[in-house]
């Protein structure tokens, strides 16, 4: 099982301790403001004032050291499946990639590596451990994952399941701490205790955490706070631009159309749930501006990170919104 610890990013045998009651935003992010190599961090909310660890790149790649049990048949496929689970999260635009094999070890060398070894801070009942290399500003520059070779690892659904534990550790590698959820069914991959092959697939809490990272720290190249043009294959070329600017009590959104068009501007939370529609109908070409104070049909949105999406018949753009108290 994965031992509950507010600090150690390690999977281990044992019982999960009693946590706080679950809520709809029960995910936690890893906070560690000290640059260097670490396997510890505090669990904080998406809107924590001190921020949290994160990547600056939209594509994060790991290599696979096939020494020892890492060379078993099916291991590479299991790792790729675990990476794919996180790659499929929307609206986050991260791609977690399998970059092939390596001889690299559990050390700071510029290569993010998954390997099987004894030690590396993972002893006794520890199943696997993640080490992050942090630069200034809590930016992750490398992530190594060490599976404890003292256990027998399997890819056929028997304990201990490589894909389930890899999915959990890749979550740590993306800056996600253990979830606060303690339910016994439909548990998130970032649940504190190993629970078999069900850990291979993500739950809403896992996806919300990755969307939180994407919204608060847009990866270089995605720039969701600036124009993001996505032409519709079936329509004529018609670029749109959308941006946002937060101020006390409200967010100002500005969008631009090269051509007059019917538009729809919607707001979503980090889990992709629709909150409200800010604009719908025909708009002339040019610049348009409106303000959102967090109001929705269900009441005011609480402080946090949200997404706005502008759609026309020919293009679309997205931006992040920050709601403050």
Protein backbone atom coordinates (compact mmCIF):
# COMPACT_ATOMS: atom_id res chain seq x y z
CA UNK A 1 0.00 0.00 0.00
CA UNK A 2 1.07 3.61 -0.37
CA UNK A 3 1.91 4.97 3.04
CA UNK A 4 0.30 8.32 3.81
CA UNK A 5 2.92 10.95 4.46
CA UNK A 6 2.62 14.72 4.04
CA UNK A 7 6.27 14.79 2.99
CA UNK A 8 7.65 11.66 1.36
CA UNK A 9 6.88 11.00 -2.31
CA UNK A 10 7.06 7.24 -1.95
CA UNK A 11 4.81 4.25 -2.44
CA UNK A 12 4.96 1.73 0.38
CA UNK A 13 3.25 -1.22 2.01
CA UNK A 14 1.19 -0.35 5.05
CA UNK A 15 -2.09 1.25 6.08
CA UNK A 16 -3.26 4.71 5.14
CA UNK A 17 -3.85 6.94 8.13
CA UNK A 18 -7.05 8.93 8.70
CA UNK A 19 -7.19 12.11 6.63
CA UNK A 20 -9.34 15.18 6.43
CA UNK A 21 -12.87 14.78 4.96
CA UNK A 22 -12.88 14.69 1.17
CA UNK A 23 -14.22 17.55 -0.90
CA UNK A 24 -14.62 18.29 -4.59
CA UNK A 25 -11.15 19.86 -4.75
CA UNK A 26 -9.37 17.26 -2.62
CA UNK A 27 -6.21 17.05 -4.73
CA UNK A 28 -3.00 18.49 -3.31
CA UNK A 29 0.08 19.83 -5.07
CA UNK A 30 3.71 19.47 -3.94
CA UNK A 31 5.30 22.57 -2.48
CA UNK A 32 9.06 22.77 -1.98
CA UNK A 33 10.81 26.11 -2.41
CA UNK A 34 14.36 24.79 -1.98
CA UNK A 35 16.20 24.21 -5.30
CA UNK A 36 17.94 20.87 -5.70
CA UNK A 37 17.09 17.19 -5.59
CA UNK A 38 14.30 16.13 -3.26
CA UNK A 39 11.76 13.44 -2.47
CA UNK A 40 9.83 15.53 0.05
CA UNK A 41 7.29 18.33 -0.11
CA UNK A 42 4.26 19.78 1.60
CA UNK A 43 0.78 19.10 0.21
CA UNK A 44 -0.92 22.39 -0.70
CA UNK A 45 -4.04 23.55 -2.56
CA UNK A 46 -4.10 24.85 -6.12
CA UNK A 47 -4.31 28.46 -4.93
CA UNK A 48 -1.61 28.23 -2.23
CA UNK A 49 0.17 31.55 -1.88
CA UNK A 50 3.60 29.93 -2.01
CA UNK A 51 2.86 28.11 -5.27
CA UNK A 52 3.97 24.57 -6.01
CA UNK A 53 6.42 22.56 -8.10
CA UNK A 54 5.72 22.41 -11.84
CA UNK A 55 7.22 21.90 -15.28
CA UNK A 56 7.75 24.75 -17.73
CA UNK A 57 7.46 22.37 -20.67
CA UNK A 58 4.25 20.94 -22.11
CA UNK A 59 6.11 17.75 -23.07
CA UNK A 60 7.76 15.74 -20.30
CA UNK A 61 9.73 12.62 -21.29
CA UNK A 62 11.04 9.71 -19.25
CA UNK A 63 13.58 7.07 -20.25
CA UNK A 64 13.52 3.47 -19.10
CA UNK A 65 16.50 1.70 -17.54
CA UNK A 66 15.97 -1.98 -18.40
CA UNK A 67 18.48 -3.37 -15.90
CA UNK A 68 17.16 -6.02 -13.52
CA UNK A 69 13.38 -6.29 -13.34
CA UNK A 70 13.13 -3.29 -15.64
CA UNK A 71 13.88 -5.66 -18.50
CA UNK A 72 10.92 -7.97 -17.91
CA UNK A 73 8.53 -8.46 -20.87
CA UNK A 74 5.67 -5.97 -20.81
CA UNK A 75 7.38 -3.39 -18.59
CA UNK A 76 7.89 -0.85 -21.38
CA UNK A 77 4.25 -1.18 -22.49
CA UNK A 78 3.06 -0.76 -18.89
CA UNK A 79 5.09 2.44 -18.49
CA UNK A 80 3.75 3.81 -21.77
CA UNK A 81 0.17 3.08 -20.69
CA UNK A 82 0.76 4.90 -17.40
CA UNK A 83 2.14 7.91 -19.27
CA UNK A 84 -0.82 7.87 -21.65
CA UNK A 85 -3.29 8.16 -18.75
CA UNK A 86 -1.88 11.58 -17.84
CA UNK A 87 -1.43 12.64 -21.49
CA UNK A 88 -5.17 12.22 -22.09
CA UNK A 89 -6.22 14.87 -19.56
CA UNK A 90 -8.05 17.92 -20.94
CA UNK A 91 -8.03 20.89 -21.02
CA UNK A 92 -4.44 20.47 -19.80
CA UNK A 93 -2.09 20.17 -22.74
CA UNK A 94 0.68 18.04 -21.27
CA UNK A 95 2.25 15.17 -23.19
CA UNK A 96 3.99 12.57 -21.04
CA UNK A 97 6.29 10.67 -23.37
CA UNK A 98 8.25 7.42 -23.36
CA UNK A 99 11.67 8.37 -24.73
CA UNK A 100 13.21 4.91 -25.00
CA UNK A 101 15.85 3.17 -22.92
CA UNK A 102 18.84 4.47 -21.01
CA UNK A 103 21.66 3.42 -18.73
CA UNK A 104 21.09 6.45 -16.50
CA UNK A 105 20.49 5.94 -12.81
CA UNK A 106 18.78 7.58 -9.85
CA UNK A 107 20.98 10.65 -9.95
CA UNK A 108 20.89 14.24 -11.14
CA UNK A 109 22.14 13.94 -14.71
CA UNK A 110 19.56 15.75 -16.85
CA UNK A 111 17.71 12.54 -17.76
CA UNK A 112 14.36 11.66 -16.21
CA UNK A 113 14.63 7.93 -15.60
CA UNK A 114 12.45 5.03 -14.43
CA UNK A 115 14.54 2.20 -13.00
CA UNK A 116 14.54 -0.81 -10.67
CA UNK A 117 17.02 -0.78 -7.79
CA UNK A 118 17.57 -1.44 -4.10
CA UNK A 119 17.90 1.62 -1.91
CA UNK A 120 17.66 5.16 -3.33
CA UNK A 121 15.71 6.10 -0.20
CA UNK A 122 13.18 3.32 -0.83
CA UNK A 123 13.81 0.50 1.64
CA UNK A 124 11.79 -1.86 3.82
CA UNK A 125 8.13 -1.76 2.77
CA UNK A 126 8.66 1.04 0.23
CA UNK A 127 7.50 0.03 -3.26
CA UNK A 128 8.73 3.02 -5.28
CA UNK A 129 10.02 6.54 -4.76
CA UNK A 130 10.11 9.69 -6.87
CA UNK A 131 12.90 12.28 -6.78
CA UNK A 132 12.37 15.74 -8.29
CA UNK A 133 15.15 18.08 -9.31
CA UNK A 134 13.97 21.65 -8.72
CA UNK A 135 15.28 24.90 -10.12
CA UNK A 136 14.45 28.43 -8.98
CA UNK A 137 10.74 29.16 -8.78
CA UNK A 138 9.90 25.50 -8.01
CA UNK A 139 10.41 24.52 -11.65
CA UNK A 140 10.96 20.78 -12.14
CA UNK A 141 13.95 20.09 -14.39
CA UNK A 142 14.26 16.32 -13.90
CA UNK A 143 12.31 13.48 -12.32
CA UNK A 144 13.62 10.00 -11.47
CA UNK A 145 11.47 7.10 -10.28
CA UNK A 146 12.98 4.09 -8.53
CA UNK A 147 11.00 0.85 -8.13
CA UNK A 148 12.14 -1.33 -5.23
CA UNK A 149 13.66 -4.45 -6.76
CA UNK A 150 13.12 -6.33 -3.48
CA UNK A 151 9.54 -6.96 -4.64
CA UNK A 152 8.34 -9.04 -7.58
CA UNK A 153 6.85 -6.75 -10.22
CA UNK A 154 4.16 -7.83 -12.68
CA UNK A 155 2.26 -6.55 -15.70
CA UNK A 156 -0.50 -9.19 -15.72
CA UNK A 157 -2.63 -7.66 -13.00
CA UNK A 158 -0.99 -9.49 -10.11
CA UNK A 159 0.64 -7.61 -7.25
CA UNK A 160 2.69 -5.58 -7.59
CA UNK A 161 1.31 -3.94 -10.70
CA UNK A 162 3.84 -1.84 -12.62
CA UNK A 163 1.30 0.30 -14.48
CA UNK A 164 -0.66 1.25 -11.34
CA UNK A 165 2.40 2.26 -9.34
CA UNK A 166 3.96 4.00 -12.38
CA UNK A 167 0.78 6.05 -12.89
CA UNK A 168 0.95 7.13 -9.25
CA UNK A 169 4.63 8.03 -9.41
CA UNK A 170 4.25 9.90 -12.72
CA UNK A 171 1.61 11.96 -10.93
CA UNK A 172 4.22 12.92 -8.34
CA UNK A 173 6.54 13.63 -11.24
CA UNK A 174 4.03 16.20 -12.52
CA UNK A 175 3.97 17.96 -9.15
CA UNK A 176 0.93 16.25 -7.61
CA UNK A 177 0.87 15.18 -3.97
CA UNK A 178 -1.42 12.56 -2.43
CA UNK A 179 -5.15 13.24 -2.67
CA UNK A 180 -7.09 14.02 0.48
CA UNK A 181 -9.83 11.60 -0.63
CA UNK A 182 -10.19 8.53 1.58
CA UNK A 183 -13.12 6.74 -0.10
CA UNK A 184 -12.86 3.00 -0.72
CA UNK A 185 -14.34 2.97 -4.23
CA UNK A 186 -13.33 4.87 -7.36
CA UNK A 187 -10.18 5.98 -5.59
CA UNK A 188 -7.90 8.44 -7.41
CA UNK A 189 -4.56 7.22 -8.70
CA UNK A 190 -2.99 9.65 -6.22
CA UNK A 191 -4.75 7.88 -3.34
CA UNK A 192 -2.40 7.21 -0.45
CA UNK A 193 -2.62 3.40 -0.47
CA UNK A 194 -1.86 0.87 -3.19
CA UNK A 195 -5.13 -0.70 -4.31
CA UNK A 196 -4.22 -2.83 -7.32
CA UNK A 197 -4.97 -2.41 -11.02
CA UNK A 198 -7.72 0.16 -10.40
CA UNK A 199 -4.89 2.59 -9.84
CA UNK A 200 -4.05 2.41 -13.53
CA UNK A 201 -6.82 4.84 -14.49
CA UNK A 202 -7.35 8.40 -13.34
CA UNK A 203 -10.32 9.77 -11.43
CA UNK A 204 -11.65 13.35 -11.39
CA UNK A 205 -9.37 14.29 -8.49
CA UNK A 206 -6.28 13.30 -10.49
CA UNK A 207 -7.39 15.19 -13.60
CA UNK A 208 -8.28 18.27 -11.58
CA UNK A 209 -4.77 18.34 -10.14
CA UNK A 210 -3.10 18.25 -13.56
CA UNK A 211 -5.47 20.92 -14.88
CA UNK A 212 -4.61 23.02 -11.84
CA UNK A 213 -0.91 22.87 -12.73
CA UNK A 214 -1.63 23.71 -16.36
CA UNK A 215 -3.84 26.64 -15.43
CA UNK A 216 -1.58 28.22 -12.83
CA UNK A 217 1.71 27.58 -14.62
CA UNK A 218 1.00 27.51 -18.39
CA UNK A 219 3.85 25.57 -20.04
CA UNK A 220 6.14 27.42 -22.42
CA UNK A 221 4.72 27.13 -25.92
CA UNK A 222 1.10 26.71 -24.81
CA UNK A 223 0.66 30.25 -23.43
CA UNK A 224 -3.05 29.91 -22.69
CA UNK A 225 -3.22 33.52 -21.42
CA UNK A 226 -2.31 34.74 -24.89
CA UNK A 227 -4.04 33.97 -28.17
CA UNK A 228 -4.31 30.28 -29.00
CA UNK A 229 -5.62 29.74 -32.49
CA UNK A 230 -7.14 26.39 -33.42
CA UNK A 231 -8.67 26.63 -36.93
CA UNK A 232 -11.68 24.43 -37.57
CA UNK A 233 -10.90 22.06 -40.42
CA UNK A 234 -14.31 22.47 -42.07
CA UNK A 235 -14.55 26.26 -41.96
CA UNK A 236 -12.86 29.23 -43.60
CA UNK A 237 -9.74 30.74 -42.07
CA UNK A 238 -10.74 33.15 -39.29
CA UNK A 239 -8.25 33.71 -36.48
CA UNK A 240 -9.43 34.64 -33.01
CA UNK A 241 -7.50 35.93 -30.04
CA UNK A 242 -8.44 35.73 -26.37
CA UNK A 243 -6.67 37.01 -23.29
CA UNK A 244 -7.42 37.84 -19.67
CA UNK A 245 -6.19 40.20 -16.97
CA UNK A 246 -6.98 39.74 -13.29
CA UNK A 247 -7.71 42.66 -10.99
CA UNK A 248 -9.31 43.08 -7.58
CA UNK A 249 -12.71 41.41 -7.61
CA UNK A 250 -12.91 40.66 -11.32
CA UNK A 251 -11.16 39.41 -14.46
CA UNK A 252 -11.19 41.39 -17.69
CA UNK A 253 -11.39 39.34 -20.88
CA UNK A 254 -10.54 40.75 -24.29
CA UNK A 255 -11.07 38.93 -27.55
CA UNK A 256 -10.45 39.90 -31.16
CA UNK A 257 -12.03 38.65 -34.39
CA UNK A 258 -10.51 39.08 -37.83
CA UNK A 259 -13.97 38.60 -39.31
CA UNK A 260 -17.49 39.12 -38.01
CA UNK A 261 -18.90 35.87 -36.65
CA UNK A 262 -21.24 34.16 -34.21
CA UNK A 263 -19.30 33.61 -31.01
CA UNK A 264 -19.69 31.77 -27.74
CA UNK A 265 -17.52 32.51 -24.72
CA UNK A 266 -17.80 29.99 -21.86
CA UNK A 267 -16.09 29.53 -18.51
CA UNK A 268 -15.07 26.12 -17.10
CA UNK A 269 -13.44 24.93 -13.89
CA UNK A 270 -10.21 22.92 -13.95
CA UNK A 271 -12.15 19.64 -14.15
CA UNK A 272 -13.84 20.81 -17.39
CA UNK A 273 -17.25 21.49 -15.79
CA UNK A 274 -19.16 24.31 -17.51
CA UNK A 275 -19.85 27.22 -15.13
CA UNK A 276 -21.33 30.04 -17.19
CA UNK A 277 -21.63 31.61 -20.64
CA UNK A 278 -20.29 35.16 -20.87
CA UNK A 279 -21.11 35.91 -24.50
CA UNK A 280 -23.25 34.29 -27.17
CA UNK A 281 -24.33 35.61 -30.57
CA UNK A 282 -23.10 37.72 -33.45
CA UNK A 283 -20.09 40.00 -32.95
CA UNK A 284 -18.46 42.36 -35.44
CA UNK A 285 -14.83 42.06 -36.46
CA UNK A 286 -12.41 43.82 -34.13
CA UNK A 287 -11.65 43.99 -30.41
CA UNK A 288 -14.20 43.22 -27.70
CA UNK A 289 -13.87 43.45 -23.92
CA UNK A 290 -15.97 42.29 -20.98
CA UNK A 291 -15.51 41.67 -17.25
CA UNK A 292 -16.33 38.61 -15.15
CA UNK A 293 -16.69 38.92 -11.38
CA UNK A 294 -17.00 35.18 -10.79
CA UNK A 295 -20.79 35.13 -11.01
CA UNK A 296 -22.44 31.91 -12.24
CA UNK A 297 -26.04 30.65 -12.23
CA UNK A 298 -25.10 28.57 -9.16
CA UNK A 299 -23.52 31.44 -7.24
CA UNK A 300 -20.14 33.15 -7.23
CA UNK A 301 -17.17 30.96 -8.12
CA UNK A 302 -14.71 30.60 -5.29
CA UNK A 303 -11.13 31.83 -5.54
CA UNK A 304 -9.07 29.72 -7.92
CA UNK A 305 -8.01 29.06 -11.48
CA UNK A 306 -10.55 28.66 -14.31
CA UNK A 307 -10.58 28.41 -18.11
CA UNK A 308 -12.41 30.54 -20.67
CA UNK A 309 -13.02 29.24 -24.20
CA UNK A 310 -14.03 31.36 -27.19
CA UNK A 311 -15.53 29.45 -30.12
CA UNK A 312 -16.54 30.68 -33.59
CA UNK A 313 -17.58 28.58 -36.59
CA UNK A 314 -14.00 28.73 -37.85
CA UNK A 315 -11.65 28.91 -34.85
CA UNK A 316 -11.32 28.82 -31.11
CA UNK A 317 -9.05 30.16 -28.37
CA UNK A 318 -8.62 29.54 -24.65
CA UNK A 319 -7.25 31.49 -21.72
CA UNK A 320 -6.91 30.97 -17.99
CA UNK A 321 -8.81 33.09 -15.48
CA UNK A 322 -7.90 33.77 -11.87
CA UNK A 323 -10.67 34.56 -9.41
CA UNK A 324 -9.61 36.30 -6.21
CA UNK A 325 -11.60 36.94 -3.06
